Amino acid sequence: LGLRAGSLEIVDTPDDEALAARAAAGLARDGAVGMLMKGSLHTDHFMSAVVARESGLRTARRISHAFVMAAAAYPKLFILTDAAVNIAPTLQEKADIAQSAIDLAHALGVARPKVAVLCATESVNPAMPATLDAAALSKMADRQQIRGGQIDGPLAFDNAISRQAAEQKGIVSPVAGDADILLVPDIEAGNMLYKELTWLAGAATAGLVLGTRVPVLLTSRSDAVQARVDSCAVAALYARALAAGAR
């Protein structure tokens, strides 16, 4: 990038990952930096410092993660959430996850994002709790408990991304076949879907932690340079939106 090492401030925390993570969180809390990116630290050390109460980076909203993805078979960018942080989110936590993803979509220029709440079926089934959560989230959006987007569910993956599949199953929905956000039921489904899209479909990804006072980039040590650059671009847009909202 043509940068000179001497022009960059280095906060030296030798041989102590936890100390490095706490120092970074402190810089973000104090306004010295506008975002955080995980480098070679282990995720546990990095995120422990971010979510600690004393870090001052938490908000009232549940912390979650979102992947912004581009796949050749889909005509637009979409957001997949949460595939990295929340293991088995409750209904209220899913509402927070949905709201954070909607806010991110706004930052990316989507005026009224469409949220598909993914399940194994498009029918509400009391034996499948995820379908009950999906139906409740849809109604919560109708009642303005989740704002700024359209939410529909339960929707199976094919119905969420294919209008033809939705029509063949008789699903009438403004979200089906045109989703901007895919909200998964748990981390197992989300993580597998993210990796399938990346490794089988060749999807490009950018990842970001949401629900914190500054953007947090939870990159993998195995991520390609392009994935890191893309994540920085998404984080910069999100940071600008956060700053605008704070004014």
C-alpha atoms as a PDB file:
ATOM      1  CA  LEU A   1       0.000   0.000   0.000  1.00  0.00           C
ATOM      2  CA  GLY A   2       3.027   2.285   0.048  1.00  0.00           C
ATOM      3  CA  LEU A   3       2.630   3.056   3.742  1.00  0.00           C
ATOM      4  CA  ARG A   4       5.650   3.801   5.886  1.00  0.00           C
ATOM      5  CA  ALA A   5       5.900   1.779   9.080  1.00  0.00           C
ATOM      6  CA  GLY A   6       7.128   4.860  10.889  1.00  0.00           C
ATOM      7  CA  SER A   7       3.880   6.681  10.197  1.00  0.00           C
ATOM      8  CA  LEU A   8       1.827   4.050  12.034  1.00  0.00           C
ATOM      9  CA  GLU A   9       1.390   3.892  15.789  1.00  0.00           C
ATOM     10  CA  ILE A  10       2.229   0.464  17.195  1.00  0.00           C
ATOM     11  CA  VAL A  11       0.966  -0.410  20.679  1.00  0.00           C
ATOM     12  CA  ASP A  12       3.451  -3.015  21.814  1.00  0.00           C
ATOM     13  CA  THR A  13       2.004  -5.869  23.897  1.00  0.00           C
ATOM     14  CA  PRO A  14       4.663  -8.565  23.567  1.00  0.00           C
ATOM     15  CA  ASP A  15       3.743 -12.229  23.965  1.00  0.00           C
ATOM     16  CA  ASP A  16       0.379 -11.596  25.601  1.00  0.00           C
ATOM     17  CA  GLU A  17      -2.713 -12.106  23.432  1.00  0.00           C
ATOM     18  CA  ALA A  18      -5.188 -11.190  26.164  1.00  0.00           C
ATOM     19  CA  LEU A  19      -3.335  -7.950  26.890  1.00  0.00           C
ATOM     20  CA  ALA A  20      -3.218  -7.089  23.188  1.00  0.00           C
ATOM     21  CA  ALA A  21      -6.971  -7.667  22.866  1.00  0.00           C
ATOM     22  CA  ARG A  22      -7.732  -5.538  25.937  1.00  0.00           C
ATOM     23  CA  ALA A  23      -5.472  -2.758  24.666  1.00  0.00           C
ATOM     24  CA  ALA A  24      -7.259  -2.764  21.309  1.00  0.00           C
ATOM     25  CA  ALA A  25     -10.681  -2.664  22.967  1.00  0.00           C
ATOM     26  CA  GLY A  26      -9.512   0.252  25.090  1.00  0.00           C
ATOM     27  CA  LEU A  27      -8.372   2.187  22.023  1.00  0.00           C
ATOM     28  CA  ALA A  28     -11.805   1.683  20.455  1.00  0.00           C
ATOM     29  CA  ARG A  29     -13.584   2.686  23.670  1.00  0.00           C
ATOM     30  CA  ASP A  30     -11.544   5.878  23.911  1.00  0.00           C
ATOM     31  CA  GLY A  31     -12.153   6.824  20.283  1.00  0.00           C
ATOM     32  CA  ALA A  32      -8.535   6.392  19.211  1.00  0.00           C
ATOM     33  CA  VAL A  33      -9.533   3.848  16.547  1.00  0.00           C
ATOM     34  CA  GLY A  34     -12.747   3.495  14.563  1.00  0.00           C
ATOM     35  CA  MET A  35     -12.853  -0.278  14.143  1.00  0.00           C
ATOM     36  CA  LEU A  36     -11.140  -3.459  15.293  1.00  0.00           C
ATOM     37  CA  MET A  37      -9.854  -6.365  13.201  1.00  0.00           C
ATOM     38  CA  LYS A  38      -8.720  -9.712  14.522  1.00  0.00           C
ATOM     39  CA  GLY A  39      -5.266 -10.556  13.204  1.00  0.00           C
ATOM     40  CA  SER A  40      -3.289 -13.504  14.537  1.00  0.00           C
ATOM     41  CA  LEU A  41      -5.011 -13.518  17.930  1.00  0.00           C
ATOM     42  CA  HIS A  42      -7.206 -16.440  18.866  1.00  0.00           C
ATOM     43  CA  THR A  43     -10.888 -15.631  18.554  1.00  0.00           C
ATOM     44  CA  ASP A  44     -11.565 -16.388  22.238  1.00  0.00           C
ATOM     45  CA  HIS A  45      -9.021 -13.817  23.438  1.00  0.00           C
ATOM     46  CA  PHE A  46     -10.148 -11.234  20.902  1.00  0.00           C
ATOM     47  CA  MET A  47     -13.894 -11.522  21.505  1.00  0.00           C
ATOM     48  CA  SER A  48     -13.550 -11.834  25.282  1.00  0.00           C
ATOM     49  CA  ALA A  49     -12.018  -8.358  25.330  1.00  0.00           C
ATOM     50  CA  VAL A  50     -14.679  -6.962  22.998  1.00  0.00           C
ATOM     51  CA  VAL A  51     -17.676  -8.291  24.963  1.00  0.00           C
ATOM     52  CA  ALA A  52     -16.284  -7.610  28.452  1.00  0.00           C
ATOM     53  CA  ARG A  53     -18.450  -5.119  30.336  1.00  0.00           C
ATOM     54  CA  GLU A  54     -15.438  -2.986  31.193  1.00  0.00           C
ATOM     55  CA  SER A  55     -14.534  -2.588  27.520  1.00  0.00           C
ATOM     56  CA  GLY A  56     -17.414  -0.176  27.022  1.00  0.00           C
ATOM     57  CA  LEU A  57     -18.068  -1.581  23.533  1.00  0.00           C
ATOM     58  CA  ARG A  58     -21.312  -3.408  24.250  1.00  0.00           C
ATOM     59  CA  THR A  59     -24.715  -1.919  23.483  1.00  0.00           C
ATOM     60  CA  ALA A  60     -28.177  -2.911  24.685  1.00  0.00           C
ATOM     61  CA  ARG A  61     -28.493  -5.120  21.612  1.00  0.00           C
ATOM     62  CA  ARG A  62     -27.334  -8.727  21.443  1.00  0.00           C
ATOM     63  CA  ILE A  63     -23.916  -9.031  19.765  1.00  0.00           C
ATOM     64  CA  SER A  64     -24.131 -10.999  16.523  1.00  0.00           C
ATOM     65  CA  HIS A  65     -22.239 -11.625  13.308  1.00  0.00           C
ATOM     66  CA  ALA A  66     -23.113 -11.128   9.656  1.00  0.00           C
ATOM     67  CA  PHE A  67     -21.506 -12.270   6.431  1.00  0.00           C
ATOM     68  CA  VAL A  68     -22.089 -10.085   3.385  1.00  0.00           C
ATOM     69  CA  MET A  69     -21.945 -12.517   0.479  1.00  0.00           C
ATOM     70  CA  ALA A  70     -21.893 -12.473  -3.311  1.00  0.00           C
ATOM     71  CA  ALA A  71     -22.697 -15.683  -5.208  1.00  0.00           C
ATOM     72  CA  ALA A  72     -22.740 -15.989  -8.994  1.00  0.00           C
ATOM     73  CA  ALA A  73     -26.120 -17.745  -8.958  1.00  0.00           C
ATOM     74  CA  TYR A  74     -27.861 -14.912  -7.057  1.00  0.00           C
ATOM     75  CA  PRO A  75     -28.424 -11.501  -8.650  1.00  0.00           C
ATOM     76  CA  LYS A  76     -27.473  -9.311  -5.667  1.00  0.00           C
ATOM     77  CA  LEU A  77     -25.485  -9.169  -2.454  1.00  0.00           C
ATOM     78  CA  PHE A  78     -27.094 -10.822   0.544  1.00  0.00           C
ATOM     79  CA  ILE A  79     -26.407 -11.029   4.268  1.00  0.00           C
ATOM     80  CA  LEU A  80     -26.179 -14.322   6.172  1.00  0.00           C
ATOM     81  CA  THR A  81     -26.659 -14.119   9.941  1.00  0.00           C
ATOM     82  CA  ASP A  82     -25.691 -15.448  12.471  1.00  0.00           C
ATOM     83  CA  ALA A  83     -23.147 -18.075  11.477  1.00  0.00           C
ATOM     84  CA  ALA A  84     -20.332 -17.257  13.912  1.00  0.00           C
ATOM     85  CA  VAL A  85     -21.331 -15.893  17.333  1.00  0.00           C
ATOM     86  CA  ASN A  86     -24.723 -16.998  18.667  1.00  0.00           C
ATOM     87  CA  ILE A  87     -25.005 -20.749  19.169  1.00  0.00           C
ATOM     88  CA  ALA A  88     -28.726 -21.251  19.777  1.00  0.00           C
ATOM     89  CA  PRO A  89     -30.372 -17.812  19.889  1.00  0.00           C
ATOM     90  CA  THR A  90     -33.690 -17.250  21.618  1.00  0.00           C
ATOM     91  CA  LEU A  91     -36.591 -15.469  19.946  1.00  0.00           C
ATOM     92  CA  GLN A  92     -35.577 -12.101  21.426  1.00  0.00           C
ATOM     93  CA  GLU A  93     -31.957 -12.670  20.414  1.00  0.00           C
ATOM     94  CA  LYS A  94     -33.095 -13.493  16.880  1.00  0.00           C
ATOM     95  CA  ALA A  95     -35.030 -10.208  16.872  1.00  0.00           C
ATOM     96  CA  ASP A  96     -31.799  -8.389  17.759  1.00  0.00           C
ATOM     97  CA  ILE A  97     -29.894 -10.352  15.112  1.00  0.00           C
ATOM     98  CA  ALA A  98     -32.504  -9.407  12.513  1.00  0.00           C
ATOM     99  CA  GLN A  99     -32.471  -5.726  13.511  1.00  0.00           C
ATOM    100  CA  SER A 100     -28.676  -5.533  13.349  1.00  0.00           C
ATOM    101  CA  ALA A 101     -28.659  -7.162   9.909  1.00  0.00           C
ATOM    102  CA  ILE A 102     -31.316  -4.725   8.704  1.00  0.00           C
ATOM    103  CA  ASP A 103     -29.221  -1.805   9.972  1.00  0.00           C
ATOM    104  CA  LEU A 104     -26.188  -3.194   8.131  1.00  0.00           C
ATOM    105  CA  ALA A 105     -28.217  -3.540   4.933  1.00  0.00           C
ATOM    106  CA  HIS A 106     -29.262   0.111   5.284  1.00  0.00           C
ATOM    107  CA  ALA A 107     -25.578   1.056   5.565  1.00  0.00           C
ATOM    108  CA  LEU A 108     -24.951  -0.829   2.313  1.00  0.00           C
ATOM    109  CA  GLY A 109     -27.656   1.154   0.530  1.00  0.00           C
ATOM    110  CA  VAL A 110     -30.639  -1.221   0.728  1.00  0.00           C
ATOM    111  CA  ALA A 111     -33.565   1.013   1.676  1.00  0.00           C
ATOM    112  CA  ARG A 112     -35.966  -1.685   2.892  1.00  0.00           C
ATOM    113  CA  PRO A 113     -34.212  -5.049   3.127  1.00  0.00           C
ATOM    114  CA  LYS A 114     -36.153  -8.288   2.846  1.00  0.00           C
ATOM    115  CA  VAL A 115     -35.418 -10.793   5.611  1.00  0.00           C
ATOM    116  CA  ALA A 116     -36.059 -14.509   5.071  1.00  0.00           C
ATOM    117  CA  VAL A 117     -36.156 -16.477   8.325  1.00  0.00           C
ATOM    118  CA  LEU A 118     -34.780 -19.842   7.264  1.00  0.00           C
ATOM    119  CA  CYS A 119     -36.109 -23.189   8.461  1.00  0.00           C
ATOM    120  CA  ALA A 120     -36.290 -26.706   7.042  1.00  0.00           C
ATOM    121  CA  THR A 121     -39.829 -26.056   5.845  1.00  0.00           C
ATOM    122  CA  GLU A 122     -42.069 -23.165   4.911  1.00  0.00           C
ATOM    123  CA  SER A 123     -44.895 -24.433   7.139  1.00  0.00           C
ATOM    124  CA  VAL A 124     -45.360 -23.574  10.804  1.00  0.00           C
ATOM    125  CA  ASN A 125     -44.947 -26.815  12.743  1.00  0.00           C
ATOM    126  CA  PRO A 126     -45.162 -26.899  16.555  1.00  0.00           C
ATOM    127  CA  ALA A 127     -42.752 -29.840  16.552  1.00  0.00           C
ATOM    128  CA  MET A 128     -40.110 -27.568  14.989  1.00  0.00           C
ATOM    129  CA  PRO A 129     -39.516 -24.605  17.346  1.00  0.00           C
ATOM    130  CA  ALA A 130     -37.551 -22.667  14.697  1.00  0.00           C
ATOM    131  CA  THR A 131     -40.724 -22.368  12.601  1.00  0.00           C
ATOM    132  CA  LEU A 132     -42.586 -20.858  15.570  1.00  0.00           C
ATOM    133  CA  ASP A 133     -39.779 -18.323  16.054  1.00  0.00           C
ATOM    134  CA  ALA A 134     -39.904 -17.489  12.347  1.00  0.00           C
ATOM    135  CA  ALA A 135     -43.632 -16.830  12.451  1.00  0.00           C
ATOM    136  CA  ALA A 136     -43.242 -14.711  15.594  1.00  0.00           C
ATOM    137  CA  LEU A 137     -40.453 -12.638  14.000  1.00  0.00           C
ATOM    138  CA  SER A 138     -42.680 -11.953  10.997  1.00  0.00           C
ATOM    139  CA  LYS A 139     -45.450 -10.701  13.258  1.00  0.00           C
ATOM    140  CA  MET A 140     -42.980  -8.662  15.341  1.00  0.00           C
ATOM    141  CA  ALA A 141     -41.962  -6.852  12.153  1.00  0.00           C
ATOM    142  CA  ASP A 142     -45.628  -6.216  11.317  1.00  0.00           C
ATOM    143  CA  ARG A 143     -46.022  -4.639  14.775  1.00  0.00           C
ATOM    144  CA  GLN A 144     -42.868  -2.504  14.344  1.00  0.00           C
ATOM    145  CA  GLN A 145     -40.972  -4.366  17.059  1.00  0.00           C
ATOM    146  CA  ILE A 146     -38.344  -4.897  14.362  1.00  0.00           C
ATOM    147  CA  ARG A 147     -38.021  -1.857  12.117  1.00  0.00           C
ATOM    148  CA  GLY A 148     -36.757  -0.923   8.702  1.00  0.00           C
ATOM    149  CA  GLY A 149     -37.294  -4.140   6.773  1.00  0.00           C
ATOM    150  CA  GLN A 150     -39.744  -6.788   5.611  1.00  0.00           C
ATOM    151  CA  ILE A 151     -39.582 -10.142   7.399  1.00  0.00           C
ATOM    152  CA  ASP A 152     -41.190 -13.399   6.353  1.00  0.00           C
ATOM    153  CA  GLY A 153     -40.825 -16.921   7.629  1.00  0.00           C
ATOM    154  CA  PRO A 154     -40.608 -19.735   7.973  1.00  0.00           C
ATOM    155  CA  LEU A 155     -39.044 -20.101   4.539  1.00  0.00           C
ATOM    156  CA  ALA A 156     -36.928 -22.995   3.334  1.00  0.00           C
ATOM    157  CA  PHE A 157     -33.700 -22.007   1.593  1.00  0.00           C
ATOM    158  CA  ASP A 158     -35.018 -22.699  -1.906  1.00  0.00           C
ATOM    159  CA  ASN A 159     -38.079 -20.530  -1.326  1.00  0.00           C
ATOM    160  CA  ALA A 160     -35.978 -17.715   0.096  1.00  0.00           C
ATOM    161  CA  ILE A 161     -33.686 -17.394  -2.911  1.00  0.00           C
ATOM    162  CA  SER A 162     -35.777 -18.715  -5.814  1.00  0.00           C
ATOM    163  CA  ARG A 163     -39.032 -17.063  -6.874  1.00  0.00           C
ATOM    164  CA  GLN A 164     -39.714 -20.062  -9.114  1.00  0.00           C
ATOM    165  CA  ALA A 165     -39.457 -22.471  -6.170  1.00  0.00           C
ATOM    166  CA  ALA A 166     -41.749 -20.259  -4.106  1.00  0.00           C
ATOM    167  CA  GLU A 167     -44.342 -20.056  -6.871  1.00  0.00           C
ATOM    168  CA  GLN A 168     -44.286 -23.812  -7.422  1.00  0.00           C
ATOM    169  CA  LYS A 169     -45.103 -24.268  -3.730  1.00  0.00           C
ATOM    170  CA  GLY A 170     -47.835 -21.646  -3.797  1.00  0.00           C
ATOM    171  CA  ILE A 171     -46.005 -19.234  -1.476  1.00  0.00           C
ATOM    172  CA  VAL A 172     -47.214 -15.639  -1.777  1.00  0.00           C
ATOM    173  CA  SER A 173     -44.604 -13.418  -0.148  1.00  0.00           C
ATOM    174  CA  PRO A 174     -42.727 -10.198  -0.994  1.00  0.00           C
ATOM    175  CA  VAL A 175     -39.591 -11.781   0.518  1.00  0.00           C
ATOM    176  CA  ALA A 176     -39.605 -15.221  -1.103  1.00  0.00           C
ATOM    177  CA  GLY A 177     -37.191 -15.415  -4.029  1.00  0.00           C
ATOM    178  CA  ASP A 178     -35.835 -11.922  -3.368  1.00  0.00           C
ATOM    179  CA  ALA A 179     -34.246 -12.023   0.098  1.00  0.00           C
ATOM    180  CA  ASP A 180     -31.558  -9.540   1.085  1.00  0.00           C
ATOM    181  CA  ILE A 181     -30.976 -11.187   4.470  1.00  0.00           C
ATOM    182  CA  LEU A 182     -30.974 -14.878   5.368  1.00  0.00           C
ATOM    183  CA  LEU A 183     -31.528 -15.387   9.101  1.00  0.00           C
ATOM    184  CA  VAL A 184     -30.577 -18.908  10.206  1.00  0.00           C
ATOM    185  CA  PRO A 185     -32.037 -20.790  13.184  1.00  0.00           C
ATOM    186  CA  ASP A 186     -28.724 -21.599  14.881  1.00  0.00           C
ATOM    187  CA  ILE A 187     -24.962 -21.577  14.437  1.00  0.00           C
ATOM    188  CA  GLU A 188     -24.870 -25.142  13.062  1.00  0.00           C
ATOM    189  CA  ALA A 189     -27.106 -24.258  10.128  1.00  0.00           C
ATOM    190  CA  GLY A 190     -25.428 -20.910   9.592  1.00  0.00           C
ATOM    191  CA  ASN A 191     -21.868 -22.155   9.707  1.00  0.00           C
ATOM    192  CA  MET A 192     -22.559 -25.018   7.319  1.00  0.00           C
ATOM    193  CA  LEU A 193     -24.447 -22.780   4.902  1.00  0.00           C
ATOM    194  CA  TYR A 194     -21.665 -20.173   4.936  1.00  0.00           C
ATOM    195  CA  LYS A 195     -18.986 -22.788   4.232  1.00  0.00           C
ATOM    196  CA  GLU A 196     -21.048 -24.527   1.544  1.00  0.00           C
ATOM    197  CA  LEU A 197     -21.598 -21.227  -0.241  1.00  0.00           C
ATOM    198  CA  THR A 198     -17.914 -20.350   0.058  1.00  0.00           C
ATOM    199  CA  TRP A 199     -16.302 -23.670  -0.823  1.00  0.00           C
ATOM    200  CA  LEU A 200     -18.830 -25.173  -3.261  1.00  0.00           C
ATOM    201  CA  ALA A 201     -20.428 -22.100  -4.828  1.00  0.00           C
ATOM    202  CA  GLY A 202     -17.325 -19.897  -4.740  1.00  0.00           C
ATOM    203  CA  ALA A 203     -19.143 -17.070  -2.961  1.00  0.00           C
ATOM    204  CA  ALA A 204     -17.163 -13.985  -1.974  1.00  0.00           C
ATOM    205  CA  THR A 205     -17.584 -13.029   1.680  1.00  0.00           C
ATOM    206  CA  ALA A 206     -17.031 -10.141   4.067  1.00  0.00           C
ATOM    207  CA  GLY A 207     -17.654 -10.684   7.782  1.00  0.00           C
ATOM    208  CA  LEU A 208     -18.556  -8.233  10.534  1.00  0.00           C
ATOM    209  CA  VAL A 209     -19.566  -8.364  14.202  1.00  0.00           C
ATOM    210  CA  LEU A 210     -22.647  -6.241  14.927  1.00  0.00           C
ATOM    211  CA  GLY A 211     -24.176  -4.878  18.099  1.00  0.00           C
ATOM    212  CA  THR A 212     -20.986  -3.172  19.276  1.00  0.00           C
ATOM    213  CA  ARG A 213     -20.163   0.541  19.408  1.00  0.00           C
ATOM    214  CA  VAL A 214     -17.575   0.181  16.642  1.00  0.00           C
ATOM    215  CA  PRO A 215     -17.366  -2.329  13.784  1.00  0.00           C
ATOM    216  CA  VAL A 216     -15.470  -5.485  14.721  1.00  0.00           C
ATOM    217  CA  LEU A 217     -13.940  -7.639  11.992  1.00  0.00           C
ATOM    218  CA  LEU A 218     -13.744 -11.271  13.044  1.00  0.00           C
ATOM    219  CA  THR A 219     -11.553 -12.446  10.191  1.00  0.00           C
ATOM    220  CA  SER A 220     -10.043 -15.913  10.055  1.00  0.00           C
ATOM    221  CA  ARG A 221      -6.293 -16.431   9.944  1.00  0.00           C
ATOM    222  CA  SER A 222      -6.923 -18.471   6.788  1.00  0.00           C
ATOM    223  CA  ASP A 223      -8.866 -15.712   5.022  1.00  0.00           C
ATOM    224  CA  ALA A 224      -7.569 -14.514   1.689  1.00  0.00           C
ATOM    225  CA  VAL A 225      -6.381 -10.919   1.340  1.00  0.00           C
ATOM    226  CA  GLN A 226      -9.463 -10.068  -0.734  1.00  0.00           C
ATOM    227  CA  ALA A 227     -11.789 -11.260   2.033  1.00  0.00           C
ATOM    228  CA  ARG A 228      -9.992  -8.990   4.497  1.00  0.00           C
ATOM    229  CA  VAL A 229     -10.175  -6.019   2.132  1.00  0.00           C
ATOM    230  CA  ASP A 230     -13.866  -6.664   1.458  1.00  0.00           C
ATOM    231  CA  SER A 231     -14.527  -6.881   5.202  1.00  0.00           C
ATOM    232  CA  CYS A 232     -12.772  -3.537   5.712  1.00  0.00           C
ATOM    233  CA  ALA A 233     -14.917  -1.949   2.997  1.00  0.00           C
ATOM    234  CA  VAL A 234     -18.140  -3.203   4.601  1.00  0.00           C
ATOM    235  CA  ALA A 235     -16.908  -2.105   8.042  1.00  0.00           C
ATOM    236  CA  ALA A 236     -16.098   1.380   6.745  1.00  0.00           C
ATOM    237  CA  LEU A 237     -19.616   1.805   5.367  1.00  0.00           C
ATOM    238  CA  TYR A 238     -21.106   0.497   8.617  1.00  0.00           C
ATOM    239  CA  ALA A 239     -18.893   2.807  10.699  1.00  0.00           C
ATOM    240  CA  ARG A 240     -20.083   5.776   8.663  1.00  0.00           C
ATOM    241  CA  ALA A 241     -23.699   4.768   9.310  1.00  0.00           C
ATOM    242  CA  LEU A 242     -23.021   4.374  13.047  1.00  0.00           C
ATOM    243  CA  ALA A 243     -21.421   7.829  13.165  1.00  0.00           C
ATOM    244  CA  ALA A 244     -24.358   9.373  11.285  1.00  0.00           C
ATOM    245  CA  GLY A 245     -26.806   7.772  13.701  1.00  0.00           C
ATOM    246  CA  ALA A 246     -24.885   9.104  16.696  1.00  0.00           C
ATOM    247  CA  ARG A 247     -25.050  12.695  15.463  1.00  0.00           C
END
